[in-house]
Structure formats: C-alpha cells, structure tokens
Protein backbone atom coordinates (compact mmCIF):
# COMPACT_ATOMS: atom_id res chain seq x y z
CA MET A 1 -0.67 98.42 -132.54
CA LYS A 2 3.06 98.39 -131.18
CA LYS A 3 2.26 101.04 -128.70
CA LYS A 4 -1.00 99.73 -127.40
CA GLY A 5 0.59 96.59 -127.11
CA LYS A 6 2.58 97.58 -124.76
CA ILE A 7 0.58 100.09 -122.45
CA VAL A 8 -1.51 96.99 -122.04
CA LEU A 9 1.82 94.79 -120.96
CA VAL A 10 2.40 97.82 -118.56
CA SER A 11 -1.61 97.49 -117.53
CA VAL A 12 -1.17 93.73 -115.78
CA ALA A 13 2.01 94.10 -114.50
CA LEU A 14 1.13 96.78 -112.71
CA ILE A 15 -2.55 95.06 -111.68
CA ALA A 16 0.01 91.73 -111.10
CA GLY A 17 2.44 94.32 -108.77
CA LEU A 18 -0.52 95.37 -107.16
CA THR A 19 -2.25 92.58 -106.33
CA THR A 20 0.94 91.10 -104.86
CA VAL A 21 1.74 94.16 -102.64
CA TRP A 22 -1.90 93.29 -101.29
CA PHE A 23 -0.89 89.43 -100.58
CA LEU A 24 1.87 89.82 -98.77
CA THR A 25 1.07 92.61 -96.83
CA ARG A 26 -2.97 91.86 -96.08
CA PRO A 27 -4.24 91.18 -92.93
CA PRO A 28 -3.84 87.09 -91.88
CA LYS A 29 -7.61 85.94 -91.24
CA LYS A 30 -8.72 85.46 -87.64
CA LEU A 31 -9.03 81.69 -86.80
CA TYR A 32 -10.99 82.38 -83.67
CA GLU A 33 -14.12 84.17 -82.70
CA ILE A 34 -12.40 85.33 -80.04
CA GLU A 35 -14.10 88.11 -76.36
CA GLN A 36 -13.04 89.71 -73.32
CA VAL A 37 -13.68 88.09 -70.14
CA ALA A 38 -16.21 90.35 -67.54
CA LYS A 39 -17.94 89.68 -64.70
CA THR A 40 -22.02 89.11 -64.66
CA THR A 41 -24.36 87.66 -62.58
CA VAL A 42 -25.03 83.93 -63.10
CA ALA A 43 -27.89 82.73 -61.63
CA GLN A 44 -29.94 79.41 -61.94
CA THR A 45 -33.70 78.96 -62.11
CA VAL A 46 -36.06 75.77 -62.43
CA SER A 47 -39.61 77.46 -65.09
CA VAL A 48 -43.07 75.03 -64.43
CA THR A 49 -45.96 75.48 -64.52
CA ALA A 50 -49.10 75.76 -62.92
CA GLU A 51 -52.60 76.01 -61.34
CA LEU A 52 -53.76 77.67 -59.95
CA VAL A 53 -55.91 75.80 -57.63
CA PRO A 54 -57.68 75.35 -54.05
CA GLU A 55 -55.60 75.70 -51.34
CA GLN A 56 -57.34 72.38 -49.79
CA TYR A 57 -59.14 70.04 -52.55
CA ALA A 58 -60.00 66.42 -53.77
CA ASP A 59 -60.73 65.87 -57.11
CA LEU A 60 -63.09 63.16 -57.88
CA SER A 61 -62.96 59.48 -60.11
CA PHE A 62 -64.33 56.48 -60.87
CA SER A 63 -62.38 53.35 -61.09
CA GLY A 64 -64.05 51.07 -63.07
CA VAL A 65 -65.58 51.82 -66.75
CA ALA A 66 -69.63 52.50 -66.91
CA THR A 67 -72.61 53.96 -67.63
CA VAL A 68 -73.13 57.06 -65.72
CA LYS A 69 -76.91 56.19 -63.91
CA LYS A 70 -77.35 58.85 -62.18
CA VAL A 71 -75.73 62.92 -61.00
CA LEU A 72 -76.95 63.76 -57.50
CA VAL A 73 -75.20 67.21 -57.93
CA SER A 74 -74.55 70.48 -59.33
CA ARG A 75 -71.72 73.11 -59.97
CA GLY A 76 -71.69 75.18 -56.84
CA ASP A 77 -73.46 73.50 -54.49
CA THR A 78 -71.98 72.59 -50.37
CA VAL A 79 -72.15 68.92 -49.83
CA LYS A 80 -71.05 66.88 -47.03
CA ALA A 81 -68.13 64.62 -46.64
CA GLY A 82 -70.01 61.48 -47.83
CA GLN A 83 -72.25 62.46 -49.43
CA TRP A 84 -73.34 60.95 -52.41
CA ILE A 85 -71.95 63.25 -55.23
CA ALA A 86 -72.74 60.65 -58.78
CA ILE A 87 -74.06 56.82 -59.57
CA LEU A 88 -72.80 54.32 -61.98
CA ASP A 89 -74.99 51.78 -63.72
CA SER A 90 -74.29 48.43 -61.51
CA SER A 91 -76.98 46.35 -63.21
CA VAL A 92 -73.90 43.97 -64.67
CA LEU A 93 -72.62 43.84 -61.17
CA ASN A 94 -75.29 42.74 -59.22
CA GLU A 95 -75.37 39.96 -61.71
CA GLN A 96 -71.77 38.76 -61.29
CA LEU A 97 -72.03 39.68 -57.39
CA LYS A 98 -75.72 37.12 -57.83
CA ASP A 99 -73.38 34.46 -59.99
CA ALA A 100 -70.97 35.03 -57.96
CA ASN A 101 -72.36 33.95 -54.34
CA ILE A 102 -73.90 31.09 -56.36
CA SER A 103 -70.94 29.88 -56.69
CA LEU A 104 -69.66 30.37 -53.04
CA SER A 105 -72.65 28.20 -52.14
CA ILE A 106 -71.50 25.72 -54.28
CA ALA A 107 -68.30 25.60 -52.24
CA LEU A 108 -69.41 25.18 -49.62
CA GLU A 109 -71.68 23.02 -50.03
CA ASN A 110 -68.13 20.64 -51.95
CA GLU A 111 -66.06 21.53 -49.00
CA LYS A 112 -68.89 20.65 -46.05
CA PHE A 113 -69.55 17.33 -48.42
CA ALA A 114 -65.87 16.56 -48.70
CA ARG A 115 -65.22 17.27 -44.63
CA ARG A 116 -67.76 14.09 -43.94
CA THR A 117 -64.20 12.37 -44.82
CA TRP A 118 -61.16 15.47 -44.67
CA SER A 119 -59.27 12.52 -42.91
CA LYS A 120 -59.47 10.19 -46.15
CA LEU A 121 -58.54 12.57 -48.08
CA LYS A 122 -54.63 13.11 -49.56
CA LYS A 123 -53.28 16.99 -48.75
CA GLU A 124 -53.26 18.21 -51.80
CA GLU A 125 -57.16 17.31 -52.26
CA ARG A 126 -57.66 19.50 -49.03
CA ALA A 127 -56.12 22.27 -49.84
CA ALA A 128 -57.77 22.54 -53.39
CA LYS A 129 -61.20 21.68 -51.68
CA LYS A 130 -60.03 24.61 -49.69
CA LEU A 131 -58.67 26.91 -52.26
CA ALA A 132 -61.51 26.58 -53.89
CA THR A 133 -64.06 28.25 -51.57
CA ASP A 134 -61.17 30.39 -50.76
CA GLN A 135 -61.47 31.93 -54.81
CA ALA A 136 -65.24 31.99 -54.03
CA ARG A 137 -65.50 33.89 -51.31
CA GLN A 138 -62.21 36.33 -52.70
CA LYS A 139 -65.01 36.52 -56.29
CA VAL A 140 -67.98 37.96 -54.02
CA THR A 141 -65.75 40.41 -51.94
CA THR A 142 -64.22 42.32 -55.69
CA VAL A 143 -67.46 42.67 -56.74
CA GLN A 144 -69.31 43.99 -53.53
CA THR A 145 -66.02 46.06 -53.46
CA GLN A 146 -67.10 47.13 -57.23
CA ILE A 147 -70.35 47.53 -56.30
CA ALA A 148 -69.56 49.89 -54.09
CA LEU A 149 -67.30 51.67 -56.06
CA ALA A 150 -69.28 52.49 -58.77
CA THR A 151 -71.62 55.34 -55.64
CA LEU A 152 -68.48 58.22 -55.87
CA THR A 153 -68.56 60.10 -52.27
CA ALA A 154 -67.47 63.48 -51.10
CA PRO A 155 -64.35 62.46 -49.34
CA ILE A 156 -64.75 66.05 -47.41
CA GLY A 157 -67.25 68.67 -47.65
CA GLY A 158 -67.46 71.68 -49.52
CA VAL A 159 -68.45 73.66 -53.00
CA VAL A 160 -68.25 71.21 -55.90
CA THR A 161 -66.22 73.52 -58.37
CA LYS A 162 -65.69 71.28 -60.59
CA LEU A 163 -68.01 68.79 -62.38
CA ASP A 164 -67.56 67.16 -65.83
CA VAL A 165 -70.42 64.23 -65.57
CA ARG A 166 -73.94 63.46 -67.57
CA GLU A 167 -76.56 61.46 -66.80
CA GLY A 168 -75.87 58.84 -69.61
CA GLU A 169 -72.26 59.09 -70.86
CA THR A 170 -69.79 56.36 -70.25
CA ALA A 171 -67.44 57.06 -67.04
CA LEU A 172 -63.52 55.76 -67.35
CA SER A 173 -61.86 54.96 -64.98
CA GLY A 174 -58.91 57.05 -63.29
CA LYS A 175 -60.43 60.47 -65.50
CA VAL A 176 -61.39 63.57 -63.01
CA VAL A 177 -65.38 64.11 -63.11
CA ALA A 178 -65.90 66.52 -59.98
CA ARG A 179 -63.56 68.63 -57.99
CA ILE A 180 -64.44 69.42 -54.07
CA SER A 181 -63.17 72.87 -52.78
CA LYS A 182 -62.95 73.75 -49.19
CA GLY A 183 -62.14 77.29 -48.14
CA THR A 184 -61.42 80.44 -50.02
CA GLY A 185 -57.89 80.25 -50.62
CA LEU A 186 -56.39 79.63 -53.80
CA VAL A 187 -52.58 77.95 -54.19
CA LEU A 188 -49.95 77.58 -57.04
CA GLU A 189 -49.84 73.57 -57.46
CA ALA A 190 -47.41 72.69 -59.87
CA ARG A 191 -45.30 69.46 -60.73
CA VAL A 192 -41.96 69.67 -61.02
CA PRO A 193 -39.67 67.17 -62.69
CA GLU A 194 -37.68 64.57 -60.85
CA ALA A 195 -34.46 66.48 -62.05
CA ASP A 196 -34.91 69.89 -60.36
CA ILE A 197 -36.67 68.96 -56.86
CA THR A 198 -34.10 68.88 -55.51
CA LYS A 199 -32.88 71.86 -56.00
CA LEU A 200 -36.14 73.50 -54.20
CA LYS A 201 -36.58 73.92 -50.56
CA ASN A 202 -39.32 75.53 -48.46
CA GLY A 203 -39.69 78.60 -48.22
CA MET A 204 -38.00 79.79 -50.80
CA GLU A 205 -39.01 82.75 -53.59
CA ALA A 206 -40.43 82.51 -56.95
CA THR A 207 -42.17 84.88 -59.92
CA VAL A 208 -44.92 84.17 -61.34
CA THR A 209 -46.74 85.37 -64.18
CA PHE A 210 -50.49 84.21 -65.15
CA ASP A 211 -51.48 83.31 -68.68
CA ALA A 212 -55.04 85.20 -68.53
CA LEU A 213 -52.79 88.60 -67.38
CA THR A 214 -49.66 90.55 -68.96
CA LYS A 215 -46.41 89.21 -68.65
CA ASP A 216 -46.14 92.30 -66.82
CA ASP A 217 -47.77 91.20 -63.88
CA VAL A 218 -45.23 89.62 -61.88
CA PHE A 219 -46.44 87.77 -58.75
CA ARG A 220 -44.66 86.99 -55.67
CA SER A 221 -44.60 83.39 -53.93
CA ASN A 222 -42.64 80.96 -51.77
CA VAL A 223 -42.57 77.10 -51.54
CA TYR A 224 -44.82 76.07 -48.69
CA GLU A 225 -44.71 72.34 -49.20
CA ILE A 226 -42.99 69.81 -51.77
CA GLU A 227 -45.11 66.04 -51.44
CA PRO A 228 -42.39 63.24 -50.58
CA ALA A 229 -43.67 60.75 -52.60
CA ALA A 230 -43.21 60.87 -56.28
CA THR A 231 -46.06 61.04 -58.91
CA VAL A 232 -45.49 58.30 -62.20
CA VAL A 233 -47.31 59.86 -65.40
CA GLN A 234 -46.37 58.32 -68.73
CA ASP A 235 -43.13 57.51 -66.63
CA VAL A 236 -42.24 60.94 -66.28
CA VAL A 237 -41.21 61.01 -62.82
CA SER A 238 -42.55 64.31 -60.94
CA TYR A 239 -43.24 65.82 -57.31
CA VAL A 240 -46.59 68.21 -56.73
CA THR A 241 -44.86 71.64 -55.28
CA ARG A 242 -47.43 73.96 -54.17
CA PHE A 243 -46.27 77.70 -53.63
CA ARG A 244 -48.33 80.25 -52.15
CA LEU A 245 -48.96 84.02 -53.58
CA ALA A 246 -47.75 86.49 -51.04
CA ASP A 247 -50.21 89.42 -52.15
CA ALA A 248 -53.93 88.51 -53.26
CA ASP A 249 -55.37 89.71 -57.02
CA ASP A 250 -59.55 89.63 -57.64
CA ARG A 251 -58.30 88.72 -61.35
CA LEU A 252 -56.81 85.52 -59.99
CA ARG A 253 -59.21 82.41 -60.79
CA GLU A 254 -59.57 78.43 -59.81
CA GLY A 255 -58.31 76.76 -62.36
CA MET A 256 -55.64 79.68 -63.74
CA SER A 257 -52.30 78.87 -65.73
CA ALA A 258 -49.79 80.16 -64.84
CA THR A 259 -45.59 79.88 -65.09
CA ILE A 260 -43.78 79.82 -62.39
CA ASP A 261 -39.92 80.70 -61.72
CA ALA A 262 -37.41 80.11 -58.95
CA VAL A 263 -33.93 81.30 -58.22
CA THR A 264 -32.41 78.65 -57.17
CA ALA A 265 -29.06 79.68 -56.90
CA LYS A 266 -26.71 83.25 -57.95
CA ALA A 267 -23.60 84.25 -58.61
CA GLU A 268 -23.36 88.08 -58.72
CA ASN A 269 -20.38 90.25 -60.13
CA VAL A 270 -18.16 86.88 -60.48
CA LEU A 271 -15.98 86.20 -63.93
CA ALA A 272 -18.18 83.82 -66.57
CA VAL A 273 -18.06 82.50 -69.65
CA PRO A 274 -20.45 80.69 -72.16
CA PHE A 275 -21.00 77.60 -71.93
CA ARG A 276 -18.80 76.88 -75.44
CA ALA A 277 -15.88 78.37 -74.72
CA VAL A 278 -15.06 75.46 -72.16
CA ILE A 279 -12.94 72.82 -73.52
CA ARG A 280 -13.76 69.85 -70.55
CA GLU A 281 -10.63 66.95 -70.39
CA GLY A 282 -11.83 64.36 -68.53
CA ALA A 283 -12.12 65.89 -64.18
CA LYS A 284 -10.06 68.87 -65.97
CA ASN A 285 -11.69 72.11 -67.94
CA TYR A 286 -10.22 74.42 -69.87
CA VAL A 287 -10.66 77.29 -71.77
CA GLU A 288 -8.51 79.03 -74.87
CA LEU A 289 -6.36 82.95 -75.11
CA SER A 290 -5.71 84.97 -77.42
CA GLN A 291 -4.89 88.33 -77.56
CA ASP A 292 -5.18 87.87 -81.55
CA GLY A 293 -8.06 85.95 -82.94
CA LEU A 294 -5.17 84.16 -84.35
CA THR A 295 -3.53 81.94 -81.95
CA ALA A 296 -4.21 80.37 -78.76
CA LEU A 297 -3.03 79.17 -75.44
CA LYS A 298 -4.92 76.58 -73.40
CA ARG A 299 -5.91 77.18 -70.13
CA GLU A 300 -6.65 74.92 -67.10
CA VAL A 301 -9.85 76.49 -64.71
CA VAL A 302 -11.89 75.86 -61.81
CA LEU A 303 -15.90 75.99 -63.17
CA GLY A 304 -18.82 77.50 -60.57
CA LEU A 305 -22.05 77.77 -61.06
CA GLU A 306 -24.17 76.64 -64.47
CA GLY A 307 -26.52 79.64 -65.41
CA ASP A 308 -29.92 79.22 -67.02
CA GLU A 309 -27.90 82.36 -70.06
CA GLY A 310 -25.42 80.15 -71.14
CA MET A 311 -22.89 81.58 -68.40
CA ILE A 312 -20.65 79.65 -66.63
CA GLU A 313 -18.98 81.01 -63.01
CA VAL A 314 -14.76 81.31 -63.96
CA LYS A 315 -13.88 80.23 -60.24
CA LYS A 316 -10.35 80.55 -60.78
CA GLY A 317 -7.78 80.64 -63.53
CA LEU A 318 -9.08 84.12 -65.12
CA SER A 319 -8.94 87.45 -64.82
CA SER A 320 -11.06 90.24 -66.30
CA ASN A 321 -8.15 91.32 -68.53
CA ASP A 322 -8.29 88.40 -70.31
CA ILE A 323 -9.66 87.18 -74.12
CA ILE A 324 -10.57 84.31 -74.33
CA VAL A 325 -11.35 82.05 -77.91
CA THR A 326 -15.38 81.33 -78.03
CA ALA A 327 -15.65 79.65 -82.09
CA LYS A 328 -14.04 78.73 -84.19
CA VAL A 329 -13.77 80.79 -87.67
CA LYS A 330 -15.80 78.86 -90.26
C-alpha cells in the first residue's frame, strides 16, 4: 500500500510540474485581430431600382373620387392629343353647379340692391356684400373646374400602352389609370434618393441587370437626364433620373424592372483599410499598428475615398508593409 501511495504522489507531482511548465512557457493570448495593409481598388457605387419606360410618355390619373361612367379607348389604341380617354359620373357635380349658380344669382342681386344705398353703408358692410359675391363666383368656378377634370384627356398623341380602369368602378384621386406612349424607344427611369443625386452626372456610365433576365445579362447604359425638381412621396425626397441603354435587345419590354449600378468614384491600386479599423477622434483619424497582436501603437492617417465593400482609402500614414489592428479579440 505504501508503494502505491508513493507512485500516486509522484504522478501528481509530475502532472503538476508539467502543468506549471506549460503555463509558464505557453504563448501569450493575442489581444487583437491583425492584417497586413495591401493595395486594392476602392469604388463608390450608386445602386437604384428602375423601370423600363418609353422615351416619351404620359401617365394619366383622375384628380377626384367618383364612379367611372365611360371608358372610351382600349389598350393598344392610337390616340391624338386632347382625345377623351375616360369620363367620370358628374351628376353630383352638376347638381352642385346648379346650387352654386343659384347662390351666385342671389349674391349678385343682394349686392345690386345694396348699391342703391351704397354710400350710406359702412365700409365693412360694403366689403361683406362684395365678399359674398366673390365667394359665390369662386364656388361656381371651382365646380366647373371639377366637372372639366371629370373627363380624362390625352395630353400627347401616342399609343395607349396601359389601361387600368373599368366602367362602374370607383376612380381614386391620383391613381394612374392609363399611360400613353409616344415613339418606340425605351429608357430606364429611376428615382434616386437625395443623398445620392449629387454623385450622378449626365453621361456617367452604369451597368444594368433586369429581374426578368439572368444575372449574366449585364447591359451598359449612361445617365442622360436628371430632373431638376424633386419628387416627394410619403416624405421621401428623390429625383427622377433617366438612363439610356447602349444596346437594344428584343427581350426587353416596357414595364420591366431593373437594377442600375453606377460607379460614381473609383481609386485604383491604392492602400486601403477596413472601416472598422479606423479610429475617429474629432477631426483626426487613426489606425493601430501591431506586429504580434499583443501590443498596439496608434498612428494618424489621412483618409480618401470610402468604398462600398467596407474599405476606405488611406492617402497618407501607412505603407504596404504595415500590419494593422482590425478588431479586439473577445
């Protein structure tokens, strides 16, 4: 028993000794993730969705809510500028117009009667009579305008390529119910957010892929028109921008959805580091250098172009031999 006890004690002592040696000689745990700085291409891209539309077209919508009384065209019809497309039921408006005309007649008679003793009336009384007549006249004009707008007319000549309206249904104000296309050329129309619009310029090249085709079908295009006025939809500000395709393709159809990628800036063969490696302190920028992942030394850098792939150009402060800290080890 004594011999076995000695063996156990020796074994325990040996294990303890080996553990101590391993603990004292093991490599220290790294505190940082590191990588070597290298040259690459940094690109900045504006990516937007677009629709393939005729080069010249007009989308039509009613400005009021009412029942559609008559649809006068069909999809594919050729129409002239000014031609009627559809008519809303204006029976309610016609009754309102009768009432407005009666009110105007009464207001005019009241003012005419008052003018017999106009000089005896107070200034405020004369103003009130005139105001009542002006308001009654404005009411007539407003209803007449609404009746005129109940008839949807073609602002340009062309072909009816879209028609989403049926007799008897309720037309909603502002909803596009028809499109008239002029010419056979197709262009891409996109709504570019205000944050990106200043990056685009006429003539700038872009690549296009269509949802209906494969990702390998990449088309070339260029910006040819940027509308100067903003479009606001649900408090989102954007600018309608049009792109012209470089090559025609028989597979393309009006209304197809596309994704447009326009490279707005590019820096080739430059030093770059990940965004996460940059430390910002006020107006200055720094990165940390580390050879072993255990210690770090902060160095100021001058940054350049911010790319889309999580990289940013370093114009000054680093060389291609430097090793930087990209993250702390958790």
